[in-house]
Structure formats: structure tokens, C-alpha cells
Amino acid sequence: MALSLLGASLASLYDGAAHVELVRDFSSVSMGRRHIAIEFFAGWCGHCQAFAPLWRSVATAACAARPRLAIGAVDCVADFLTCQELGIDSFPTIRLFGPTVTEAHGRPLRQCVHGCRSAPLVLADILSQLPPGWLEPRLADAKSLEAISTAGGCERLPSGGTPVKLEQLPPPEALQRPVPFADITSAVVYGLERELPVDIGPERAERRAALLAWLQLLSSSFPLPENRAAMARLHRLVRAALAENSPVGLRQWASLLEELPRPIFPAGGAVGAIAWAACRGVSEEARGYPCALWLLFHSLVAHSSDATAAATLRTIRAYVDHFFGCEACRRHFVAMFDAKPPDVRTADAAALWLWRAHNAVNLRLNRSGEATVLRYGLPKVQWPPADVCPGCKSPSGRWREVAVLRLLRAVYCHDGAECGVARNRTADEAWRAADSAAADTDWSPSMALAIAACGAAVLLSCLGGVAALRQHRQAMTARVLRPVNYVPRVRLLSSAEESE
């Protein structure tokens, strides 16, 4: 197996880590005379970020075994081809390679990631996989390691405090206008090229169903007709390929993507060069894909109809469960969904459910007190904050969900009249329902009198605001917002290209 990293740049998780070997050439891994434990990670994965300091400590502790035991790392964002070839479908993943390892793709060491949080315990788990007499005497005879390896009872990583970058709201200033198309388009393309090409064999019935449901959702609810047409074509191609009951691997998946309508950009564009818009972080590995995925979820729900809203949420859950790479993030999201499954009958209810869930996630992360929030300069705020929507909370601090729903439509509806809410009701009906619901919130009597006194003036002002918001949304959508430095193989069209 002679695989090498294609990307020249290395993620910053292990910059300056003297004892972590950044693996570039797997021929030396499989045929060398040493053992090496390798962490496969993605820089955007919150659990990988939390695990990185521990892996550095493991590398330092393993120095005593060199040159027969090394600690390494591979960035699966920079070199997803190698990771896909090795079957890496979750992060972080640790595998042991070396002369005595018979598994072609390395020996999985799951306990290293999810079982222990101290460097000696992780190292002991690695050493337990090596045959007697392989280690140098000074390490093999270490009483401290022997005691650790037989002690049992590892402390687990704190599930409530794991920083999960999927659970990240964009900064308030980025969501005072419709979500930039660059983010949700890049989220789809990144998922198609980096997350979906995993093992989809005939025995993986649930994963196959999740894939087809996700492509069906994109073909029905992704903004703009041309984009939906491209996803509908991919859905038909994948369904036909799966009907043959043969595995769909990396090469087969790439050939399916090549069947999409042109222009299709050539392979080789570096994912690390994505220039996100609202989801740009303060460093290369910060935010990006997980943030954009949240925006995509909100957009898909906003473009669903009353009849499809509940199925949209279930499809999102299945996508995260089967295809989102960060394993800790995946468990958190699925557990949150299953703890209180959404019982929704309208698109409005689905939009509000996802909004509440997103805020609950950010509240949990805030309470965890993780310092990584400071690293990215973005607190886990309750959205929308007052500077984005002053009227979304009452004086007593209660959410006015009617106002929140209006804001969700303004932010996440790119298709105007095609937005899911508008598919079910006319604008006048929506406003009448909103005004009726607003009467149930805790408006003060003086505020109610003031509104009554305004009468027709307020109505004209509201209608003018609606028209201005619609014009603003159309103008924002017409701007071709796409990643500046990203050249994906699959280009999804923006609204500006409809008239070309």
C-alpha cells in the first residue's frame, strides 16, 4: 500500500508537536520495522480538538520506546483519499500499524479514543496490542505501565463537556441577512465529496436508505430549481447503482459525481482552501463545514412543506447518524433528537423545533465552560441576540416565537415564494396568523394601546417592511456568493446564473 498525502499544508492541531509524526507516506508505515499508532482526524471536529492535547502527551510518553514505537497523525481533510482508502469514516480514529499487525488497514484502537483520558492509560492500551519482547527492555519492564494496564476502570471523556463544532451558531452580524449561498452550497459539496463516499454495501441497509433519503431531500428542498435538478439526477443515479446490490465504494461514487451536469471542476482542489462566508473562523480549522451544515439544516427545514416537515427532520437525523464524521458530535446530536423526538405537523413547527434544539446545544456548550470558545472568538450565543432581533424577546425575557419565525424565514428562505412556509399559505394568511398568535404573548397593555393607536400607519409600515425585506433577500440571493478559493468537482448553481 503506497499511499501518500496529496495536500502540502498540514492542519494546525499538531503544529509544534515535536513527538507527533505527521504521516505522508504509508509505504513506510506498512513495510517498516517499527510500530506506529496513528490518529486520523479532521481539524473541524470538536472531539479531535479536545483529544489533540492528550495525543501530544501520549507521543511524549512514548519516546522511551523509540525507535520501535512512534505516534503519528493524518489530517483527513488534507488527504481524504488516503483516509477513504483506509475506510476511515469517523473522527478521531486510532489505528496501529507495524510488522506484527496483520490487518491490512491497521488495527483499530477504539478504547484509546473513547475509553481513557490520561496519556499513560492510552499508551498502555497501545502497548497491550504489541507482542511480548518487541518493546525495548526499559519500557517493557516499567512497573508503572504494568500497574496501569492491569488496573482497569478508565475515566471516560466527559460527554457533556466535549466541544462540538457542529453545534455552532454563526456570529450575529452574519445572520442579519439571508444566509450566504457560499456556506450552504459548500456544505452540500463538502458532504458529497468527503462524507458520503463511505462503505455502502448491500448489508448496510440503513445507511443506503439514509443516503437515498438525503439525496431525495436535497432534490426537493435545496434552494433554487437548478440545484434541485442536479440533486435529483444524482438521486436517480445512486438509486440505480444501489439497485444492482453491489457495494458503492470511493471510485464508484466519484464516477457517479462525474455524471452530474457540467461544469464540473477537475479534482485536486484543496478543501483546506475553502473561504467560507458566514462560517469563516479565526483559524483554518475553526468552524467551516460543521457551522455550514447547521445552516444547511435550517435552510432545508425552511424550504420544506407542512406535509414533509417531519420527514425532513428525520432525514437530517439519519444523515448525521450515518455520515457526519465527528463521532462525538454524531452521538450528541442523535441522543438529543431521540430524547425528545419532534412531533411536528407544519413547516413552522419544524423550523421552531430545530431552532430550539440549536439553542439548547449552544446553552449546553456554554455551561460546559470549554475554553475552545475563546480560541474561535465566537461565544455559543442564544439566537437571535437582541442586536439582531430586538422584538424576539419580551421584557420578561420570554421568546416571542412568532417574531423568531419571521426572522427564520428572512434568514433561511432563499427561494422567496418557493419557501416551504409560502407553499402552504398566502402572505396575508401568514401575517394574520402571526398577528393572532402575537396576541397571546406577554405584550404590556401600554404597548397594545400604542399599537391600536397607530392603526393604518403601522399596517402600511409593516407592508413596506415586508416589501423591503423581499427586495433585500432577492438582491442578496442574486449575488453569486460562493467560496473564493474552492473549486469543487460539483458546482451547484446560484440564482444569478438562472438568467444566463
Protein backbone atom coordinates (compact mmCIF):
# COMPACT_ATOMS: atom_id res chain seq x y z
CA MET A 1 0.00 0.00 0.00
CA ALA A 2 1.82 3.11 -1.23
CA LEU A 3 -0.47 5.99 -0.39
CA SER A 4 0.79 9.50 0.18
CA LEU A 5 -0.77 12.76 1.29
CA LEU A 6 -1.80 14.99 -1.61
CA GLY A 7 -2.10 18.22 0.32
CA ALA A 8 1.07 20.12 1.10
CA SER A 9 -0.37 22.01 4.05
CA LEU A 10 -0.86 20.36 7.42
CA ALA A 11 -3.57 21.23 9.90
CA SER A 12 -2.56 23.23 12.91
CA LEU A 13 -3.75 20.71 15.51
CA TYR A 14 -0.23 19.28 15.75
CA ASP A 15 1.90 22.22 14.71
CA GLY A 16 4.89 22.33 17.01
CA ALA A 17 4.18 18.86 18.44
CA ALA A 18 7.75 17.53 18.44
CA HIS A 19 6.86 13.87 19.04
CA VAL A 20 3.78 13.53 16.78
CA GLU A 21 4.84 12.31 13.35
CA LEU A 22 2.72 13.76 10.55
CA VAL A 23 2.50 10.78 8.20
CA ARG A 24 2.90 11.46 4.48
CA ASP A 25 3.92 8.11 3.02
CA PHE A 26 2.11 4.94 4.02
CA SER A 27 4.60 2.66 2.30
CA SER A 28 6.97 3.24 5.21
CA VAL A 29 4.12 2.59 7.62
CA SER A 30 3.17 -0.81 6.26
CA MET A 31 6.64 -2.15 5.46
CA GLY A 32 8.85 -0.56 8.10
CA ARG A 33 10.47 -2.31 11.07
CA ARG A 34 8.65 -0.29 13.69
CA HIS A 35 5.12 0.13 15.01
CA ILE A 36 3.23 3.39 14.76
CA ALA A 37 -0.12 4.36 16.28
CA ILE A 38 -1.81 6.88 14.01
CA GLU A 39 -4.69 9.21 14.80
CA PHE A 40 -6.86 10.05 11.80
CA PHE A 41 -8.52 13.40 12.46
CA ALA A 42 -10.35 16.35 10.92
CA GLY A 43 -9.42 19.81 12.09
CA TRP A 44 -13.06 20.94 12.27
CA CYS A 45 -14.05 18.03 14.54
CA GLY A 46 -14.61 19.27 18.08
CA HIS A 47 -13.74 15.91 19.63
CA CYS A 48 -10.48 15.86 17.66
CA GLN A 49 -9.62 19.29 19.05
CA ALA A 50 -10.32 18.09 22.58
CA PHE A 51 -8.29 14.91 22.02
CA ALA A 52 -5.23 16.62 20.48
CA PRO A 53 -3.53 17.66 23.77
CA LEU A 54 -3.88 14.10 25.06
CA TRP A 55 -2.39 12.65 21.86
CA ARG A 56 0.58 15.02 22.17
CA SER A 57 1.12 13.78 25.72
CA VAL A 58 0.93 10.17 24.53
CA ALA A 59 3.60 10.94 21.94
CA THR A 60 5.88 12.41 24.59
CA ALA A 61 5.33 9.43 26.88
CA ALA A 62 6.10 7.01 24.05
CA CYS A 63 9.57 8.46 23.46
CA ALA A 64 11.06 5.76 25.70
CA ALA A 65 10.04 3.10 23.18
CA ARG A 66 11.58 4.71 20.14
CA PRO A 67 12.59 3.81 17.53
CA ARG A 68 10.24 0.83 17.74
CA LEU A 69 7.05 2.71 18.64
CA ALA A 70 6.01 6.01 17.11
CA ILE A 71 2.94 8.20 17.46
CA GLY A 72 1.56 9.75 14.28
CA ALA A 73 -1.34 11.69 12.83
CA VAL A 74 -3.06 12.07 9.47
CA ASP A 75 -5.29 15.02 8.58
CA CYS A 76 -8.24 13.53 6.71
CA VAL A 77 -9.32 16.94 5.44
CA ALA A 78 -5.97 17.47 3.71
CA ASP A 79 -5.83 13.88 2.47
CA PHE A 80 -9.30 12.43 2.35
CA LEU A 81 -8.34 9.95 -0.40
CA THR A 82 -5.95 8.10 1.89
CA CYS A 83 -8.49 8.10 4.71
CA GLN A 84 -11.23 6.81 2.42
CA GLU A 85 -8.92 4.10 1.10
CA LEU A 86 -8.30 3.01 4.69
CA GLY A 87 -12.02 3.05 5.50
CA ILE A 88 -11.86 5.93 7.99
CA ASP A 89 -15.46 7.10 8.46
CA SER A 90 -15.37 8.76 11.88
CA PHE A 91 -13.05 11.08 13.77
CA PRO A 92 -10.88 10.73 15.68
CA THR A 93 -9.91 7.16 14.75
CA ILE A 94 -6.71 5.50 16.00
CA ARG A 95 -5.12 2.50 14.30
CA LEU A 96 -1.92 0.60 14.95
CA PHE A 97 0.40 -0.26 12.04
CA GLY A 98 3.59 -2.29 12.04
CA PRO A 99 5.35 -5.58 11.28
CA THR A 100 3.26 -7.66 13.68
CA VAL A 101 -0.09 -6.11 12.71
CA THR A 102 -1.89 -8.47 10.34
CA GLU A 103 -4.81 -6.19 9.50
CA ALA A 104 -4.21 -4.57 6.09
CA HIS A 105 -5.72 -1.26 7.14
CA GLY A 106 -4.31 -1.21 10.65
CA ARG A 107 -5.64 -2.49 13.95
CA PRO A 108 -8.42 -0.28 15.40
CA LEU A 109 -7.83 1.01 18.94
CA ARG A 110 -11.22 2.38 19.94
CA GLN A 111 -10.51 2.41 23.68
CA CYS A 112 -7.71 4.90 23.05
CA VAL A 113 -10.24 7.47 21.90
CA HIS A 114 -13.36 6.75 23.92
CA GLY A 115 -12.12 4.87 26.95
CA CYS A 116 -9.31 6.78 28.67
CA ARG A 117 -8.30 10.36 29.09
CA SER A 118 -4.81 10.12 30.59
CA ALA A 119 -1.68 9.61 28.49
CA PRO A 120 -0.41 6.57 30.49
CA LEU A 121 -3.75 4.77 30.08
CA VAL A 122 -3.87 5.43 26.34
CA LEU A 123 -0.25 4.34 25.96
CA ALA A 124 -0.93 1.19 27.97
CA ASP A 125 -3.78 0.33 25.61
CA ILE A 126 -1.44 0.70 22.63
CA LEU A 127 1.32 -1.35 24.27
CA SER A 128 -1.12 -4.14 25.07
CA GLN A 129 -1.50 -4.73 21.32
CA LEU A 130 2.22 -5.40 20.83
CA PRO A 131 3.71 -8.91 21.18
CA PRO A 132 5.94 -9.74 24.18
CA GLY A 133 9.60 -8.93 23.68
CA TRP A 134 9.00 -6.35 20.96
CA LEU A 135 9.48 -3.31 23.18
CA GLU A 136 12.80 -2.15 24.47
CA PRO A 137 13.51 -3.59 27.95
CA ARG A 138 13.38 -0.25 29.75
CA LEU A 139 9.77 0.26 28.65
CA ALA A 140 8.60 -3.34 28.83
CA ASP A 141 9.76 -3.57 32.45
CA ALA A 142 8.26 -0.28 33.59
CA LYS A 143 6.26 -1.17 36.71
CA SER A 144 4.12 1.96 36.42
CA LEU A 145 2.85 0.99 32.99
CA GLU A 146 2.28 -2.61 34.09
CA ALA A 147 0.24 -1.39 37.04
CA ILE A 148 -1.77 0.92 34.84
CA SER A 149 -2.53 -1.73 32.26
CA THR A 150 -3.94 -4.12 34.85
CA ALA A 151 -5.75 -1.56 36.97
CA GLY A 152 -8.84 -1.29 34.77
CA GLY A 153 -11.52 1.31 35.33
CA CYS A 154 -10.53 4.11 32.93
CA GLU A 155 -12.01 7.55 33.32
CA ARG A 156 -14.13 8.38 30.31
CA LEU A 157 -14.02 11.58 28.31
CA PRO A 158 -16.72 13.90 29.68
CA SER A 159 -19.62 13.65 27.25
CA GLY A 160 -21.22 16.84 28.48
CA GLY A 161 -18.09 18.89 28.06
CA THR A 162 -16.87 17.76 24.66
CA PRO A 163 -16.61 20.81 22.39
CA VAL A 164 -18.70 20.05 19.31
CA LYS A 165 -18.08 22.36 16.38
CA LEU A 166 -21.21 21.11 14.63
CA GLU A 167 -23.09 22.86 17.41
CA GLN A 168 -22.00 26.36 16.49
CA LEU A 169 -24.16 29.37 15.66
CA PRO A 170 -22.85 31.90 13.16
CA PRO A 171 -21.94 35.32 14.60
CA PRO A 172 -24.94 37.65 14.93
CA GLU A 173 -23.73 40.10 12.30
CA ALA A 174 -23.64 37.31 9.71
CA LEU A 175 -27.32 36.45 10.22
CA GLN A 176 -28.94 39.84 9.89
CA ARG A 177 -29.41 38.96 6.23
CA PRO A 178 -30.12 35.76 4.29
CA VAL A 179 -27.52 33.06 4.83
CA PRO A 180 -24.79 33.42 2.18
CA PHE A 181 -25.15 30.84 -0.54
CA ALA A 182 -21.45 30.07 -0.27
CA ASP A 183 -21.95 28.33 3.07
CA ILE A 184 -24.89 26.05 2.35
CA THR A 185 -23.61 25.24 -1.15
CA SER A 186 -20.19 24.36 0.23
CA ALA A 187 -21.80 22.23 2.94
CA VAL A 188 -23.55 20.15 0.27
CA VAL A 189 -20.46 19.83 -1.93
CA TYR A 190 -18.18 19.01 1.01
CA GLY A 191 -20.62 16.33 2.12
CA LEU A 192 -20.85 14.84 -1.37
CA GLU A 193 -17.09 14.69 -1.82
CA ARG A 194 -15.84 14.00 1.71
CA GLU A 195 -18.56 12.50 3.90
CA LEU A 196 -20.75 10.35 1.67
CA PRO A 197 -18.08 8.23 -0.09
CA VAL A 198 -18.05 5.59 2.63
CA ASP A 199 -18.84 1.89 2.71
CA ILE A 200 -22.34 1.49 1.24
CA GLY A 201 -22.51 -2.25 0.73
CA PRO A 202 -25.68 -4.35 0.35
CA GLU A 203 -25.52 -5.31 4.03
CA ARG A 204 -25.73 -1.65 5.13
CA ALA A 205 -29.46 -1.28 4.54
CA GLU A 206 -29.96 1.61 6.97
CA ARG A 207 -27.03 3.55 5.54
CA ARG A 208 -28.29 3.02 1.99
CA ALA A 209 -31.75 4.23 2.99
CA ALA A 210 -30.25 7.27 4.74
CA LEU A 211 -28.24 8.17 1.63
CA LEU A 212 -31.25 7.94 -0.67
CA ALA A 213 -33.41 9.93 1.75
CA TRP A 214 -30.75 12.67 2.00
CA LEU A 215 -30.43 12.99 -1.78
CA GLN A 216 -34.21 13.00 -2.09
CA LEU A 217 -34.40 15.82 0.46
CA LEU A 218 -31.78 17.86 -1.41
CA SER A 219 -33.65 17.31 -4.66
CA SER A 220 -36.89 18.60 -3.15
CA SER A 221 -35.87 21.26 -0.63
CA PHE A 222 -32.44 22.62 -1.54
CA PRO A 223 -32.83 26.25 -2.68
CA LEU A 224 -33.23 27.07 -6.38
CA PRO A 225 -34.58 24.81 -9.14
CA GLU A 226 -31.26 24.11 -10.91
CA ASN A 227 -29.71 22.86 -7.69
CA ARG A 228 -32.66 20.59 -7.03
CA ALA A 229 -32.45 19.24 -10.58
CA ALA A 230 -28.76 18.35 -10.11
CA MET A 231 -29.53 16.57 -6.84
CA ALA A 232 -32.50 14.77 -8.43
CA ARG A 233 -30.18 13.45 -11.13
CA LEU A 234 -27.67 12.24 -8.55
CA HIS A 235 -30.50 10.61 -6.60
CA ARG A 236 -31.58 8.66 -9.70
CA LEU A 237 -28.00 7.58 -10.45
CA VAL A 238 -27.36 6.41 -6.89
CA ARG A 239 -30.68 4.61 -6.69
CA ALA A 240 -29.87 2.74 -9.90
CA ALA A 241 -26.38 1.85 -8.65
CA LEU A 242 -27.72 0.56 -5.34
CA ALA A 243 -30.41 -1.44 -7.12
CA GLU A 244 -27.65 -3.63 -8.55
CA ASN A 245 -26.99 -4.77 -4.97
CA SER A 246 -23.24 -4.25 -5.25
CA PRO A 247 -21.06 -2.11 -2.95
CA VAL A 248 -20.61 1.54 -3.86
CA GLY A 249 -17.04 2.46 -2.98
CA LEU A 250 -14.92 5.56 -3.42
CA ARG A 251 -14.23 5.10 -7.12
CA GLN A 252 -17.84 4.25 -7.94
CA TRP A 253 -19.02 7.29 -6.01
CA ALA A 254 -16.56 9.57 -7.86
CA SER A 255 -17.84 8.26 -11.19
CA LEU A 256 -21.42 9.00 -10.12
CA LEU A 257 -20.48 12.59 -9.28
CA GLU A 258 -18.88 12.93 -12.70
CA GLU A 259 -22.30 12.19 -14.22
CA LEU A 260 -23.72 15.42 -12.84
CA PRO A 261 -24.39 18.28 -15.26
CA ARG A 262 -21.39 20.34 -16.22
CA PRO A 263 -19.46 22.45 -15.45
CA ILE A 264 -17.67 20.03 -13.17
CA PHE A 265 -14.34 21.26 -11.87
CA PRO A 266 -11.28 18.93 -12.06
CA ALA A 267 -10.20 17.03 -8.97
CA GLY A 268 -7.40 18.28 -6.78
CA GLY A 269 -8.85 21.42 -5.25
CA ALA A 270 -7.70 21.62 -1.63
CA VAL A 271 -10.56 21.52 0.85
CA GLY A 272 -8.41 23.50 3.27
CA ALA A 273 -8.59 26.45 0.87
CA ILE A 274 -12.35 26.93 1.30
CA ALA A 275 -13.19 30.54 2.01
CA TRP A 276 -16.42 30.34 3.99
CA ALA A 277 -18.63 33.40 4.31
CA ALA A 278 -20.77 33.47 7.48
CA CYS A 279 -18.96 30.36 8.73
CA ARG A 280 -15.42 31.65 8.43
CA GLY A 281 -13.46 31.09 11.64
CA VAL A 282 -10.43 32.81 13.07
CA SER A 283 -8.23 29.89 12.03
CA GLU A 284 -8.26 27.41 9.15
CA GLU A 285 -9.68 24.50 11.12
CA ALA A 286 -12.25 26.58 13.01
CA ARG A 287 -15.96 26.36 12.17
CA GLY A 288 -16.34 25.93 8.40
CA TYR A 289 -18.14 22.72 7.50
CA PRO A 290 -19.93 21.99 10.81
CA CYS A 291 -21.22 25.56 11.02
CA ALA A 292 -22.36 25.48 7.39
CA LEU A 293 -24.06 22.14 7.96
CA TRP A 294 -26.22 23.71 10.67
CA LEU A 295 -27.15 26.49 8.24
CA LEU A 296 -27.99 23.89 5.60
CA PHE A 297 -30.24 22.01 8.04
CA HIS A 298 -32.13 25.21 8.87
CA SER A 299 -32.46 26.05 5.17
CA LEU A 300 -33.79 22.59 4.27
CA VAL A 301 -36.40 22.81 7.02
CA ALA A 302 -37.38 26.31 5.90
CA HIS A 303 -37.93 25.04 2.36
CA SER A 304 -39.98 22.02 3.41
CA SER A 305 -43.77 21.94 3.33
CA ASP A 306 -46.25 21.06 6.04
CA ALA A 307 -46.55 17.58 4.54
CA THR A 308 -42.78 16.93 4.50
CA ALA A 309 -41.55 18.81 7.59
CA ALA A 310 -41.43 15.83 9.96
CA ALA A 311 -39.72 13.65 7.35
CA THR A 312 -37.15 16.41 6.77
CA LEU A 313 -36.12 16.35 10.43
CA ARG A 314 -35.89 12.54 10.41
CA THR A 315 -33.73 12.64 7.29
CA ILE A 316 -31.38 15.16 8.90
CA ARG A 317 -31.03 12.87 11.90
CA ALA A 318 -30.23 9.90 9.67
CA TYR A 319 -27.64 11.89 7.72
CA VAL A 320 -25.81 12.89 10.89
CA ASP A 321 -26.04 9.36 12.30
CA HIS A 322 -24.58 7.67 9.22
CA PHE A 323 -22.37 10.25 7.52
CA PHE A 324 -21.16 13.01 9.84
CA GLY A 325 -17.50 12.32 10.56
CA CYS A 326 -17.11 13.59 14.13
CA GLU A 327 -18.18 10.62 16.24
CA ALA A 328 -18.76 12.53 19.48
CA CYS A 329 -20.75 15.20 17.63
CA ARG A 330 -22.78 12.46 16.00
CA ARG A 331 -23.65 10.82 19.32
CA HIS A 332 -24.66 14.13 20.89
CA PHE A 333 -26.93 15.09 18.01
CA VAL A 334 -28.66 11.72 17.76
CA ALA A 335 -29.11 11.49 21.54
CA MET A 336 -30.65 14.97 21.59
CA PHE A 337 -33.03 14.06 18.77
CA ASP A 338 -34.05 10.70 20.24
CA ALA A 339 -34.51 12.02 23.78
CA LYS A 340 -37.47 14.11 22.62
CA PRO A 341 -38.41 13.23 19.03
CA PRO A 342 -40.05 16.16 17.26
CA ASP A 343 -43.82 15.84 16.95
CA VAL A 344 -44.38 18.41 14.23
CA ARG A 345 -47.22 18.78 11.76
CA THR A 346 -46.26 22.00 10.00
CA ALA A 347 -43.18 23.56 8.43
CA ASP A 348 -43.39 26.35 11.01
CA ALA A 349 -43.31 23.85 13.87
CA ALA A 350 -40.31 22.07 12.35
CA ALA A 351 -38.40 25.34 11.93
CA LEU A 352 -39.06 26.26 15.55
CA TRP A 353 -38.11 22.78 16.79
CA LEU A 354 -34.72 22.94 15.06
CA TRP A 355 -34.20 26.48 16.36
CA ARG A 356 -34.93 25.38 19.94
CA ALA A 357 -32.65 22.35 19.56
CA HIS A 358 -29.82 24.51 18.23
CA ASN A 359 -30.17 26.94 21.12
CA ALA A 360 -30.26 24.05 23.60
CA VAL A 361 -27.00 22.76 22.16
CA ASN A 362 -25.32 26.14 22.50
CA LEU A 363 -26.59 26.53 26.05
CA ARG A 364 -25.09 23.15 26.97
CA LEU A 365 -21.75 24.10 25.44
CA ASN A 366 -21.75 27.43 27.25
CA ARG A 367 -22.38 25.70 30.55
CA SER A 368 -19.55 23.27 29.89
CA GLY A 369 -17.12 26.18 30.17
CA GLU A 370 -14.88 24.91 27.38
CA ALA A 371 -12.00 27.29 26.68
CA THR A 372 -12.13 26.47 22.98
CA VAL A 373 -14.86 29.09 22.62
CA LEU A 374 -12.21 31.75 23.23
CA ARG A 375 -9.98 30.12 20.66
CA TYR A 376 -12.52 30.77 17.93
CA GLY A 377 -13.71 34.12 19.25
CA LEU A 378 -17.34 33.06 18.96
CA PRO A 379 -19.42 32.54 22.09
CA LYS A 380 -22.22 29.97 21.96
CA VAL A 381 -24.99 32.57 21.97
CA GLN A 382 -28.72 32.10 22.22
CA TRP A 383 -30.00 33.08 18.82
CA PRO A 384 -31.23 35.58 17.89
CA PRO A 385 -29.48 38.03 20.22
CA ALA A 386 -31.11 41.35 20.95
CA ASP A 387 -28.99 43.28 18.45
CA VAL A 388 -30.29 41.05 15.64
CA CYS A 389 -33.94 40.94 16.70
CA PRO A 390 -34.91 43.36 19.50
CA GLY A 391 -38.53 42.21 19.35
CA CYS A 392 -37.84 38.48 19.61
CA LYS A 393 -37.94 38.55 23.42
CA SER A 394 -40.50 40.10 25.72
CA PRO A 395 -39.48 42.46 28.56
CA SER A 396 -39.70 39.47 30.90
CA GLY A 397 -37.20 37.50 28.79
CA ARG A 398 -39.64 35.09 27.14
CA TRP A 399 -39.13 34.21 23.49
CA ARG A 400 -41.73 35.63 21.10
CA GLU A 401 -41.72 32.70 18.71
CA VAL A 402 -43.85 34.49 16.12
CA ALA A 403 -41.10 37.09 15.74
CA VAL A 404 -38.44 34.38 15.75
CA LEU A 405 -40.29 32.53 12.99
CA ARG A 406 -40.40 35.66 10.85
CA LEU A 407 -36.66 36.04 11.26
CA LEU A 408 -36.04 32.39 10.41
CA ARG A 409 -37.94 32.89 7.16
CA ALA A 410 -35.97 36.01 6.31
CA VAL A 411 -32.64 34.33 7.02
CA TYR A 412 -33.14 30.85 5.59
CA CYS A 413 -35.64 31.25 2.72
CA HIS A 414 -33.69 31.78 -0.49
CA ASP A 415 -36.45 30.97 -2.95
CA GLY A 416 -38.92 33.69 -2.00
CA ALA A 417 -42.33 32.33 -2.98
CA GLU A 418 -40.90 28.81 -3.14
CA CYS A 419 -40.06 28.77 0.54
CA GLY A 420 -41.84 25.97 2.37
CA VAL A 421 -43.96 28.27 4.50
CA ALA A 422 -45.22 30.13 1.45
CA ARG A 423 -46.11 26.87 -0.28
CA ASN A 424 -48.80 26.30 2.33
CA ARG A 425 -50.27 29.74 2.92
CA THR A 426 -50.50 33.13 1.26
CA ALA A 427 -48.61 36.05 2.78
CA ASP A 428 -51.82 37.61 4.07
CA GLU A 429 -52.79 34.37 5.82
CA ALA A 430 -49.34 34.13 7.38
CA TRP A 431 -49.48 37.65 8.70
CA ARG A 432 -53.00 37.18 10.08
CA ALA A 433 -51.87 34.02 11.87
CA ALA A 434 -48.81 35.82 13.20
CA ASP A 435 -50.86 38.76 14.47
CA SER A 436 -53.31 36.37 16.12
CA ALA A 437 -50.53 34.43 17.81
CA ALA A 438 -48.84 37.65 18.91
CA ALA A 439 -51.90 38.49 20.99
CA ASP A 440 -51.06 35.53 23.22
CA THR A 441 -47.54 36.74 24.10
CA ASP A 442 -46.93 38.92 27.12
CA TRP A 443 -47.28 42.31 25.45
CA SER A 444 -47.82 45.07 28.00
CA PRO A 445 -51.21 46.92 28.00
CA SER A 446 -49.50 50.18 27.11
CA MET A 447 -47.83 48.54 24.13
CA ALA A 448 -51.17 47.14 22.97
CA LEU A 449 -52.77 50.60 23.19
CA ALA A 450 -49.91 52.12 21.26
CA ILE A 451 -50.29 49.54 18.51
CA ALA A 452 -54.04 50.14 18.33
CA ALA A 453 -53.49 53.89 18.12
CA CYS A 454 -51.09 53.51 15.21
CA GLY A 455 -53.72 51.68 13.18
CA ALA A 456 -53.32 52.03 9.46
CA ALA A 457 -49.91 53.66 9.78
CA VAL A 458 -48.49 50.54 11.40
CA LEU A 459 -50.05 48.34 8.73
CA LEU A 460 -48.55 50.43 5.94
CA SER A 461 -45.20 50.39 7.71
CA CYS A 462 -45.32 46.59 8.05
CA LEU A 463 -46.23 46.13 4.39
CA GLY A 464 -43.41 48.45 3.39
CA GLY A 465 -41.02 46.49 5.58
CA VAL A 466 -42.13 43.22 4.02
CA ALA A 467 -41.54 44.61 0.53
CA ALA A 468 -38.14 45.95 1.51
CA LEU A 469 -37.17 42.63 3.09
CA ARG A 470 -38.25 40.76 -0.03
CA GLN A 471 -36.20 43.08 -2.25
CA HIS A 472 -33.22 42.74 0.08
CA ARG A 473 -33.47 38.95 0.05
CA GLN A 474 -33.68 38.86 -3.75
CA ALA A 475 -30.71 41.20 -4.05
CA MET A 476 -28.65 39.12 -1.64
CA THR A 477 -29.57 35.90 -3.42
CA ALA A 478 -28.74 37.39 -6.81
CA ARG A 479 -25.17 37.98 -5.71
CA VAL A 480 -23.15 34.93 -6.65
CA LEU A 481 -21.81 34.00 -3.23
CA ARG A 482 -19.53 31.01 -3.47
CA PRO A 483 -16.22 30.03 -1.86
CA VAL A 484 -13.47 32.19 -3.31
CA ASN A 485 -10.73 29.57 -3.39
CA TYR A 486 -12.80 26.39 -3.54
CA VAL A 487 -13.11 24.56 -6.83
CA PRO A 488 -15.35 21.54 -6.16
CA ARG A 489 -15.95 18.88 -8.76
CA VAL A 490 -19.68 19.55 -8.46
CA ARG A 491 -20.89 23.11 -8.91
CA LEU A 492 -24.35 23.94 -7.63
CA LEU A 493 -25.85 26.93 -9.38
CA SER A 494 -26.72 30.21 -7.71
CA SER A 495 -29.78 32.25 -8.54
CA ALA A 496 -27.70 34.74 -10.52
CA GLU A 497 -26.97 32.01 -13.05
CA GLU A 498 -30.63 31.27 -13.76
CA SER A 499 -30.80 34.11 -16.29
CA GLU A 500 -27.52 33.25 -18.00
